[in-house]
């Protein structure tokens, strides 16, 4: 779940204007199968990019493109000075 949170956090930070930051509110994950060897690849897709919240879906797949984990993260958008 650390990979999913990292990918969504970086994507969230890239999607806010200057002076804003994101902070995590919630994350969940469904682990579908184990990755036995090779690499895993994570992709974050924005489901909602609002003024105060963001929702991201993160797919983690193996080298063959098989789903390993499906995760969703919700983040709050706040003023950078408030952090």
PDB file of N, CA and C in Angstrom:
ATOM      1  N   UNK A   1       0.819  -1.185   0.000  1.00  0.00           N
ATOM      2  CA  UNK A   1       0.000   0.000   0.000  1.00  0.00           C
ATOM      3  C   UNK A   1       0.872   1.261   0.000  1.00  0.00           C
ATOM      4  N   UNK A   2       2.114   1.128   0.408  1.00  0.00           N
ATOM      5  CA  UNK A   2       3.018   2.280   0.410  1.00  0.00           C
ATOM      6  C   UNK A   2       3.238   2.792  -1.012  1.00  0.00           C
ATOM      7  N   UNK A   3       3.391   1.894  -1.970  1.00  0.00           N
ATOM      8  CA  UNK A   3       3.583   2.315  -3.359  1.00  0.00           C
ATOM      9  C   UNK A   3       2.368   3.089  -3.853  1.00  0.00           C
ATOM     10  N   UNK A   4       1.177   2.604  -3.575  1.00  0.00           N
ATOM     11  CA  UNK A   4      -0.046   3.281  -4.009  1.00  0.00           C
ATOM     12  C   UNK A   4      -0.138   4.677  -3.404  1.00  0.00           C
ATOM     13  N   UNK A   5       0.142   4.790  -2.122  1.00  0.00           N
ATOM     14  CA  UNK A   5       0.073   6.096  -1.461  1.00  0.00           C
ATOM     15  C   UNK A   5       1.114   7.060  -2.025  1.00  0.00           C
ATOM     16  N   UNK A   6       2.298   6.565  -2.293  1.00  0.00           N
ATOM     17  CA  UNK A   6       3.357   7.410  -2.839  1.00  0.00           C
ATOM     18  C   UNK A   6       2.993   7.933  -4.221  1.00  0.00           C
ATOM     19  N   UNK A   7       2.512   7.051  -5.084  1.00  0.00           N
ATOM     20  CA  UNK A   7       2.152   7.451  -6.451  1.00  0.00           C
ATOM     21  C   UNK A   7       1.012   8.471  -6.432  1.00  0.00           C
ATOM     22  N   UNK A   8      -0.014   8.232  -5.625  1.00  0.00           N
ATOM     23  CA  UNK A   8      -1.141   9.166  -5.554  1.00  0.00           C
ATOM     24  C   UNK A   8      -0.721  10.495  -4.930  1.00  0.00           C
ATOM     25  N   UNK A   9       0.153  10.456  -3.946  1.00  0.00           N
ATOM     26  CA  UNK A   9       0.611  11.697  -3.308  1.00  0.00           C
ATOM     27  C   UNK A   9       1.407  12.563  -4.275  1.00  0.00           C
ATOM     28  N   UNK A  10       2.278  11.946  -5.054  1.00  0.00           N
ATOM     29  CA  UNK A  10       3.055  12.702  -6.043  1.00  0.00           C
ATOM     30  C   UNK A  10       2.123  13.275  -7.113  1.00  0.00           C
ATOM     31  N   UNK A  11       1.192  12.468  -7.588  1.00  0.00           N
ATOM     32  CA  UNK A  11       0.235  12.946  -8.590  1.00  0.00           C
ATOM     33  C   UNK A  11      -0.603  14.091  -8.031  1.00  0.00           C
ATOM     34  N   UNK A  12      -1.041  13.951  -6.789  1.00  0.00           N
ATOM     35  CA  UNK A  12      -1.835  15.004  -6.154  1.00  0.00           C
ATOM     36  C   UNK A  12      -1.073  16.305  -6.033  1.00  0.00           C
ATOM     37  N   UNK A  13       0.195  16.208  -5.656  1.00  0.00           N
ATOM     38  CA  UNK A  13       1.024  17.409  -5.526  1.00  0.00           C
ATOM     39  C   UNK A  13       1.201  18.105  -6.869  1.00  0.00           C
ATOM     40  N   UNK A  14       1.253  17.333  -7.939  1.00  0.00           N
ATOM     41  CA  UNK A  14       1.417  17.904  -9.275  1.00  0.00           C
ATOM     42  C   UNK A  14       0.128  18.534  -9.797  1.00  0.00           C
ATOM     43  N   UNK A  15      -1.007  18.186  -9.191  1.00  0.00           N
ATOM     44  CA  UNK A  15      -2.305  18.625  -9.704  1.00  0.00           C
ATOM     45  C   UNK A  15      -2.870  19.846  -8.985  1.00  0.00           C
ATOM     46  N   UNK A  16      -2.138  20.395  -8.011  1.00  0.00           N
ATOM     47  CA  UNK A  16      -2.647  21.565  -7.294  1.00  0.00           C
ATOM     48  C   UNK A  16      -1.874  22.814  -7.710  1.00  0.00           C
ATOM     49  N   UNK A  17      -2.515  23.978  -7.605  1.00  0.00           N
ATOM     50  CA  UNK A  17      -1.821  25.217  -7.962  1.00  0.00           C
ATOM     51  C   UNK A  17      -0.780  25.597  -6.907  1.00  0.00           C
ATOM     52  N   UNK A  18       0.080  26.532  -7.264  1.00  0.00           N
ATOM     53  CA  UNK A  18       1.065  27.049  -6.313  1.00  0.00           C
ATOM     54  C   UNK A  18       0.357  27.545  -5.054  1.00  0.00           C
ATOM     55  N   UNK A  19       0.971  27.296  -3.915  1.00  0.00           N
ATOM     56  CA  UNK A  19       0.401  27.738  -2.647  1.00  0.00           C
ATOM     57  C   UNK A  19      -0.527  26.727  -2.009  1.00  0.00           C
ATOM     58  N   UNK A  20      -0.773  25.612  -2.690  1.00  0.00           N
ATOM     59  CA  UNK A  20      -1.631  24.549  -2.159  1.00  0.00           C
ATOM     60  C   UNK A  20      -0.822  23.266  -2.027  1.00  0.00           C
ATOM     61  N   UNK A  21      -1.215  22.416  -1.093  1.00  0.00           N
ATOM     62  CA  UNK A  21      -0.631  21.085  -0.920  1.00  0.00           C
ATOM     63  C   UNK A  21      -1.766  20.103  -0.663  1.00  0.00           C
ATOM     64  N   UNK A  22      -1.460  18.827  -0.786  1.00  0.00           N
ATOM     65  CA  UNK A  22      -2.453  17.800  -0.472  1.00  0.00           C
ATOM     66  C   UNK A  22      -2.004  17.023   0.757  1.00  0.00           C
ATOM     67  N   UNK A  23      -2.987  16.600   1.534  1.00  0.00           N
ATOM     68  CA  UNK A  23      -2.739  15.732   2.686  1.00  0.00           C
ATOM     69  C   UNK A  23      -3.730  14.575   2.617  1.00  0.00           C
ATOM     70  N   UNK A  24      -3.250  13.381   2.913  1.00  0.00           N
ATOM     71  CA  UNK A  24      -4.089  12.196   2.808  1.00  0.00           C
ATOM     72  C   UNK A  24      -5.215  12.180   3.820  1.00  0.00           C
ATOM     73  N   UNK A  25      -6.396  11.769   3.369  1.00  0.00           N
ATOM     74  CA  UNK A  25      -7.549  11.587   4.243  1.00  0.00           C
ATOM     75  C   UNK A  25      -7.873  10.114   4.438  1.00  0.00           C
ATOM     76  N   UNK A  26      -7.778   9.336   3.350  1.00  0.00           N
ATOM     77  CA  UNK A  26      -8.177   7.930   3.414  1.00  0.00           C
ATOM     78  C   UNK A  26      -7.476   7.164   2.301  1.00  0.00           C
ATOM     79  N   UNK A  27      -7.151   5.916   2.587  1.00  0.00           N
ATOM     80  CA  UNK A  27      -6.610   5.031   1.557  1.00  0.00           C
ATOM     81  C   UNK A  27      -7.109   3.623   1.844  1.00  0.00           C
ATOM     82  N   UNK A  28      -7.443   2.906   0.775  1.00  0.00           N
ATOM     83  CA  UNK A  28      -7.798   1.494   0.919  1.00  0.00           C
ATOM     84  C   UNK A  28      -7.211   0.741  -0.260  1.00  0.00           C
ATOM     85  N   UNK A  29      -7.112  -0.558  -0.102  1.00  0.00           N
ATOM     86  CA  UNK A  29      -6.503  -1.374  -1.154  1.00  0.00           C
ATOM     87  C   UNK A  29      -7.132  -2.752  -1.186  1.00  0.00           C
ATOM     88  N   UNK A  30      -7.280  -3.270  -2.391  1.00  0.00           N
ATOM     89  CA  UNK A  30      -7.688  -4.651  -2.616  1.00  0.00           C
ATOM     90  C   UNK A  30      -6.526  -5.360  -3.288  1.00  0.00           C
ATOM     91  N   UNK A  31      -5.913  -6.275  -2.562  1.00  0.00           N
ATOM     92  CA  UNK A  31      -4.786  -7.043  -3.086  1.00  0.00           C
ATOM     93  C   UNK A  31      -5.353  -8.266  -3.802  1.00  0.00           C
ATOM     94  N   UNK A  32      -5.157  -8.318  -5.104  1.00  0.00           N
ATOM     95  CA  UNK A  32      -5.778  -9.337  -5.946  1.00  0.00           C
ATOM     96  C   UNK A  32      -4.911 -10.583  -6.074  1.00  0.00           C
ATOM     97  N   UNK A  33      -3.617 -10.397  -6.258  1.00  0.00           N
ATOM     98  CA  UNK A  33      -2.695 -11.534  -6.384  1.00  0.00           C
ATOM     99  C   UNK A  33      -1.309 -11.078  -5.978  1.00  0.00           C
ATOM    100  N   UNK A  34      -0.454 -12.045  -5.711  1.00  0.00           N
ATOM    101  CA  UNK A  34       0.926 -11.748  -5.334  1.00  0.00           C
ATOM    102  C   UNK A  34       1.772 -11.507  -6.579  1.00  0.00           C
ATOM    103  N   UNK A  35       2.758 -10.654  -6.431  1.00  0.00           N
ATOM    104  CA  UNK A  35       3.768 -10.468  -7.474  1.00  0.00           C
ATOM    105  C   UNK A  35       4.945 -11.348  -7.089  1.00  0.00           C
ATOM    106  N   UNK A  36       5.157 -12.413  -7.820  1.00  0.00           N
ATOM    107  CA  UNK A  36       6.159 -13.410  -7.434  1.00  0.00           C
ATOM    108  C   UNK A  36       7.576 -13.040  -7.864  1.00  0.00           C
ATOM    109  N   UNK A  37       7.714 -12.391  -9.015  1.00  0.00           N
ATOM    110  CA  UNK A  37       9.041 -11.974  -9.470  1.00  0.00           C
ATOM    111  C   UNK A  37       8.885 -10.824 -10.456  1.00  0.00           C
ATOM    112  N   UNK A  38       9.992 -10.245 -10.854  1.00  0.00           N
ATOM    113  CA  UNK A  38       9.937  -9.116 -11.779  1.00  0.00           C
ATOM    114  C   UNK A  38       9.596  -7.819 -11.066  1.00  0.00           C
ATOM    115  N   UNK A  39       9.087  -6.890 -11.837  1.00  0.00           N
ATOM    116  CA  UNK A  39       8.770  -5.562 -11.325  1.00  0.00           C
ATOM    117  C   UNK A  39       7.262  -5.366 -11.258  1.00  0.00           C
ATOM    118  N   UNK A  40       6.840  -4.397 -10.459  1.00  0.00           N
ATOM    119  CA  UNK A  40       5.451  -3.951 -10.465  1.00  0.00           C
ATOM    120  C   UNK A  40       5.437  -2.505 -10.952  1.00  0.00           C
ATOM    121  N   UNK A  41       4.325  -2.116 -11.547  1.00  0.00           N
ATOM    122  CA  UNK A  41       4.179  -0.790 -12.137  1.00  0.00           C
ATOM    123  C   UNK A  41       2.897  -0.171 -11.593  1.00  0.00           C
ATOM    124  N   UNK A  42       2.983   1.054 -11.099  1.00  0.00           N
ATOM    125  CA  UNK A  42       1.821   1.723 -10.512  1.00  0.00           C
ATOM    126  C   UNK A  42       1.421   2.918 -11.367  1.00  0.00           C
ATOM    127  N   UNK A  43       0.114   3.070 -11.545  1.00  0.00           N
ATOM    128  CA  UNK A  43      -0.439   4.186 -12.297  1.00  0.00           C
ATOM    129  C   UNK A  43      -1.571   4.801 -11.491  1.00  0.00           C
ATOM    130  N   UNK A  44      -1.526   6.116 -11.306  1.00  0.00           N
ATOM    131  CA  UNK A  44      -2.596   6.829 -10.604  1.00  0.00           C
ATOM    132  C   UNK A  44      -3.472   7.538 -11.628  1.00  0.00           C
ATOM    133  N   UNK A  45      -4.777   7.433 -11.441  1.00  0.00           N
ATOM    134  CA  UNK A  45      -5.735   8.126 -12.309  1.00  0.00           C
ATOM    135  C   UNK A  45      -6.636   8.992 -11.438  1.00  0.00           C
ATOM    136  N   UNK A  46      -6.761  10.250 -11.797  1.00  0.00           N
ATOM    137  CA  UNK A  46      -7.623  11.162 -11.043  1.00  0.00           C
ATOM    138  C   UNK A  46      -9.082  10.837 -11.330  1.00  0.00           C
ATOM    139  N   UNK A  47      -9.839  10.586 -10.284  1.00  0.00           N
ATOM    140  CA  UNK A  47     -11.286  10.388 -10.406  1.00  0.00           C
ATOM    141  C   UNK A  47     -12.014  11.704 -10.136  1.00  0.00           C
ATOM    142  N   UNK A  48     -11.436  12.523  -9.241  1.00  0.00           N
ATOM    143  CA  UNK A  48     -12.021  13.810  -8.876  1.00  0.00           C
ATOM    144  C   UNK A  48     -10.898  14.756  -8.478  1.00  0.00           C
ATOM    145  N   UNK A  49     -10.823  15.885  -9.145  1.00  0.00           N
ATOM    146  CA  UNK A  49      -9.863  16.926  -8.782  1.00  0.00           C
ATOM    147  C   UNK A  49     -10.654  18.181  -8.439  1.00  0.00           C
ATOM    148  N   UNK A  50     -11.101  18.234  -7.209  1.00  0.00           N
ATOM    149  CA  UNK A  50     -11.904  19.366  -6.767  1.00  0.00           C
ATOM    150  C   UNK A  50     -11.071  20.453  -6.116  1.00  0.00           C
ATOM    151  N   UNK A  51     -11.751  21.503  -5.712  1.00  0.00           N
ATOM    152  CA  UNK A  51     -11.083  22.622  -5.063  1.00  0.00           C
ATOM    153  C   UNK A  51     -10.576  22.244  -3.678  1.00  0.00           C
ATOM    154  N   UNK A  52     -11.287  21.328  -2.990  1.00  0.00           N
ATOM    155  CA  UNK A  52     -10.912  20.967  -1.617  1.00  0.00           C
ATOM    156  C   UNK A  52     -10.551  19.500  -1.438  1.00  0.00           C
ATOM    157  N   UNK A  53     -10.895  18.646  -2.388  1.00  0.00           N
ATOM    158  CA  UNK A  53     -10.550  17.225  -2.276  1.00  0.00           C
ATOM    159  C   UNK A  53     -10.137  16.658  -3.627  1.00  0.00           C
ATOM    160  N   UNK A  54      -9.368  15.595  -3.541  1.00  0.00           N
ATOM    161  CA  UNK A  54      -8.980  14.816  -4.720  1.00  0.00           C
ATOM    162  C   UNK A  54      -9.263  13.347  -4.416  1.00  0.00           C
ATOM    163  N   UNK A  55      -9.660  12.598  -5.439  1.00  0.00           N
ATOM    164  CA  UNK A  55      -9.819  11.152  -5.313  1.00  0.00           C
ATOM    165  C   UNK A  55      -9.019  10.505  -6.439  1.00  0.00           C
ATOM    166  N   UNK A  56      -8.167   9.552  -6.061  1.00  0.00           N
ATOM    167  CA  UNK A  56      -7.277   8.872  -7.004  1.00  0.00           C
ATOM    168  C   UNK A  56      -7.508   7.371  -6.956  1.00  0.00           C
ATOM    169  N   UNK A  57      -7.501   6.733  -8.129  1.00  0.00           N
ATOM    170  CA  UNK A  57      -7.479   5.279  -8.229  1.00  0.00           C
ATOM    171  C   UNK A  57      -6.082   4.880  -8.687  1.00  0.00           C
ATOM    172  N   UNK A  58      -5.501   3.916  -7.983  1.00  0.00           N
ATOM    173  CA  UNK A  58      -4.141   3.477  -8.285  1.00  0.00           C
ATOM    174  C   UNK A  58      -4.177   2.004  -8.664  1.00  0.00           C
ATOM    175  N   UNK A  59      -3.667   1.695  -9.848  1.00  0.00           N
ATOM    176  CA  UNK A  59      -3.544   0.307 -10.305  1.00  0.00           C
ATOM    177  C   UNK A  59      -2.092  -0.110 -10.199  1.00  0.00           C
ATOM    178  N   UNK A  60      -1.857  -1.234  -9.556  1.00  0.00           N
ATOM    179  CA  UNK A  60      -0.522  -1.813  -9.505  1.00  0.00           C
ATOM    180  C   UNK A  60      -0.584  -3.116 -10.291  1.00  0.00           C
ATOM    181  N   UNK A  61       0.255  -3.215 -11.321  1.00  0.00           N
ATOM    182  CA  UNK A  61       0.262  -4.374 -12.212  1.00  0.00           C
ATOM    183  C   UNK A  61       1.659  -4.967 -12.274  1.00  0.00           C
ATOM    184  N   UNK A  62       1.735  -6.254 -12.656  1.00  0.00           N
ATOM    185  CA  UNK A  62       3.042  -6.887 -12.840  1.00  0.00           C
ATOM    186  C   UNK A  62       3.539  -6.635 -14.264  1.00  0.00           C
ATOM    187  N   UNK A  63       4.699  -7.207 -14.584  1.00  0.00           N
ATOM    188  CA  UNK A  63       5.285  -7.002 -15.918  1.00  0.00           C
ATOM    189  C   UNK A  63       4.374  -7.477 -17.044  1.00  0.00           C
ATOM    190  N   UNK A  64       3.523  -8.459 -16.764  1.00  0.00           N
ATOM    191  CA  UNK A  64       2.612  -8.993 -17.777  1.00  0.00           C
ATOM    192  C   UNK A  64       1.319  -8.189 -17.873  1.00  0.00           C
ATOM    193  N   UNK A  65       1.179  -7.150 -17.046  1.00  0.00           N
ATOM    194  CA  UNK A  65      -0.033  -6.341 -17.065  1.00  0.00           C
ATOM    195  C   UNK A  65      -1.159  -6.900 -16.228  1.00  0.00           C
ATOM    196  N   UNK A  66      -0.882  -7.935 -15.433  1.00  0.00           N
ATOM    197  CA  UNK A  66      -1.913  -8.507 -14.564  1.00  0.00           C
ATOM    198  C   UNK A  66      -2.069  -7.651 -13.310  1.00  0.00           C
ATOM    199  N   UNK A  67      -3.317  -7.448 -12.913  1.00  0.00           N
ATOM    200  CA  UNK A  67      -3.615  -6.625 -11.747  1.00  0.00           C
ATOM    201  C   UNK A  67      -3.101  -7.293 -10.475  1.00  0.00           C
ATOM    202  N   UNK A  68      -2.326  -6.564  -9.709  1.00  0.00           N
ATOM    203  CA  UNK A  68      -1.812  -7.020  -8.422  1.00  0.00           C
ATOM    204  C   UNK A  68      -2.621  -6.392  -7.295  1.00  0.00           C
ATOM    205  N   UNK A  69      -2.875  -5.093  -7.415  1.00  0.00           N
ATOM    206  CA  UNK A  69      -3.569  -4.350  -6.361  1.00  0.00           C
ATOM    207  C   UNK A  69      -4.345  -3.195  -6.984  1.00  0.00           C
ATOM    208  N   UNK A  70      -5.531  -2.964  -6.467  1.00  0.00           N
ATOM    209  CA  UNK A  70      -6.335  -1.814  -6.862  1.00  0.00           C
ATOM    210  C   UNK A  70      -6.587  -1.004  -5.602  1.00  0.00           C
ATOM    211  N   UNK A  71      -6.200   0.259  -5.635  1.00  0.00           N
ATOM    212  CA  UNK A  71      -6.271   1.095  -4.438  1.00  0.00           C
ATOM    213  C   UNK A  71      -6.966   2.404  -4.761  1.00  0.00           C
ATOM    214  N   UNK A  72      -7.515   3.036  -3.726  1.00  0.00           N
ATOM    215  CA  UNK A  72      -8.134   4.352  -3.876  1.00  0.00           C
ATOM    216  C   UNK A  72      -7.658   5.234  -2.727  1.00  0.00           C
ATOM    217  N   UNK A  73      -7.269   6.451  -3.066  1.00  0.00           N
ATOM    218  CA  UNK A  73      -6.832   7.402  -2.044  1.00  0.00           C
ATOM    219  C   UNK A  73      -7.593   8.706  -2.184  1.00  0.00           C
ATOM    220  N   UNK A  74      -8.033   9.247  -1.056  1.00  0.00           N
ATOM    221  CA  UNK A  74      -8.678  10.549  -1.001  1.00  0.00           C
ATOM    222  C   UNK A  74      -7.744  11.504  -0.272  1.00  0.00           C
ATOM    223  N   UNK A  75      -7.591  12.700  -0.818  1.00  0.00           N
ATOM    224  CA  UNK A  75      -6.718  13.707  -0.218  1.00  0.00           C
ATOM    225  C   UNK A  75      -7.457  15.029  -0.102  1.00  0.00           C
ATOM    226  N   UNK A  76      -7.099  15.792   0.926  1.00  0.00           N
ATOM    227  CA  UNK A  76      -7.612  17.150   1.088  1.00  0.00           C
ATOM    228  C   UNK A  76      -6.622  18.118   0.455  1.00  0.00           C
ATOM    229  N   UNK A  77      -7.148  19.167  -0.150  1.00  0.00           N
ATOM    230  CA  UNK A  77      -6.322  20.235  -0.713  1.00  0.00           C
ATOM    231  C   UNK A  77      -6.373  21.395   0.276  1.00  0.00           C
ATOM    232  N   UNK A  78      -5.198  21.785   0.797  1.00  0.00           N
ATOM    233  CA  UNK A  78      -5.137  22.849   1.798  1.00  0.00           C
ATOM    234  C   UNK A  78      -4.093  23.890   1.392  1.00  0.00           C
ATOM    235  N   UNK A  79      -4.146  25.042   2.054  1.00  0.00           N
ATOM    236  CA  UNK A  79      -3.121  26.064   1.844  1.00  0.00           C
ATOM    237  C   UNK A  79      -1.791  25.553   2.374  1.00  0.00           C
ATOM    238  N   UNK A  80      -0.729  25.803   1.628  1.00  0.00           N
ATOM    239  CA  UNK A  80       0.594  25.349   2.043  1.00  0.00           C
ATOM    240  C   UNK A  80       0.991  25.960   3.383  1.00  0.00           C
ATOM    241  N   UNK A  81       0.586  27.185   3.647  1.00  0.00           N
ATOM    242  CA  UNK A  81       0.923  27.850   4.907  1.00  0.00           C
ATOM    243  C   UNK A  81       0.247  27.183   6.101  1.00  0.00           C
ATOM    244  N   UNK A  82      -0.877  26.516   5.873  1.00  0.00           N
ATOM    245  CA  UNK A  82      -1.606  25.854   6.964  1.00  0.00           C
ATOM    246  C   UNK A  82      -0.938  24.568   7.402  1.00  0.00           C
ATOM    247  N   UNK A  83      -0.066  24.073   6.587  1.00  0.00           N
ATOM    248  CA  UNK A  83       0.588  22.810   6.903  1.00  0.00           C
ATOM    249  C   UNK A  83       1.709  23.086   7.835  1.00  0.00           C
TER     250      UNK A  83
END
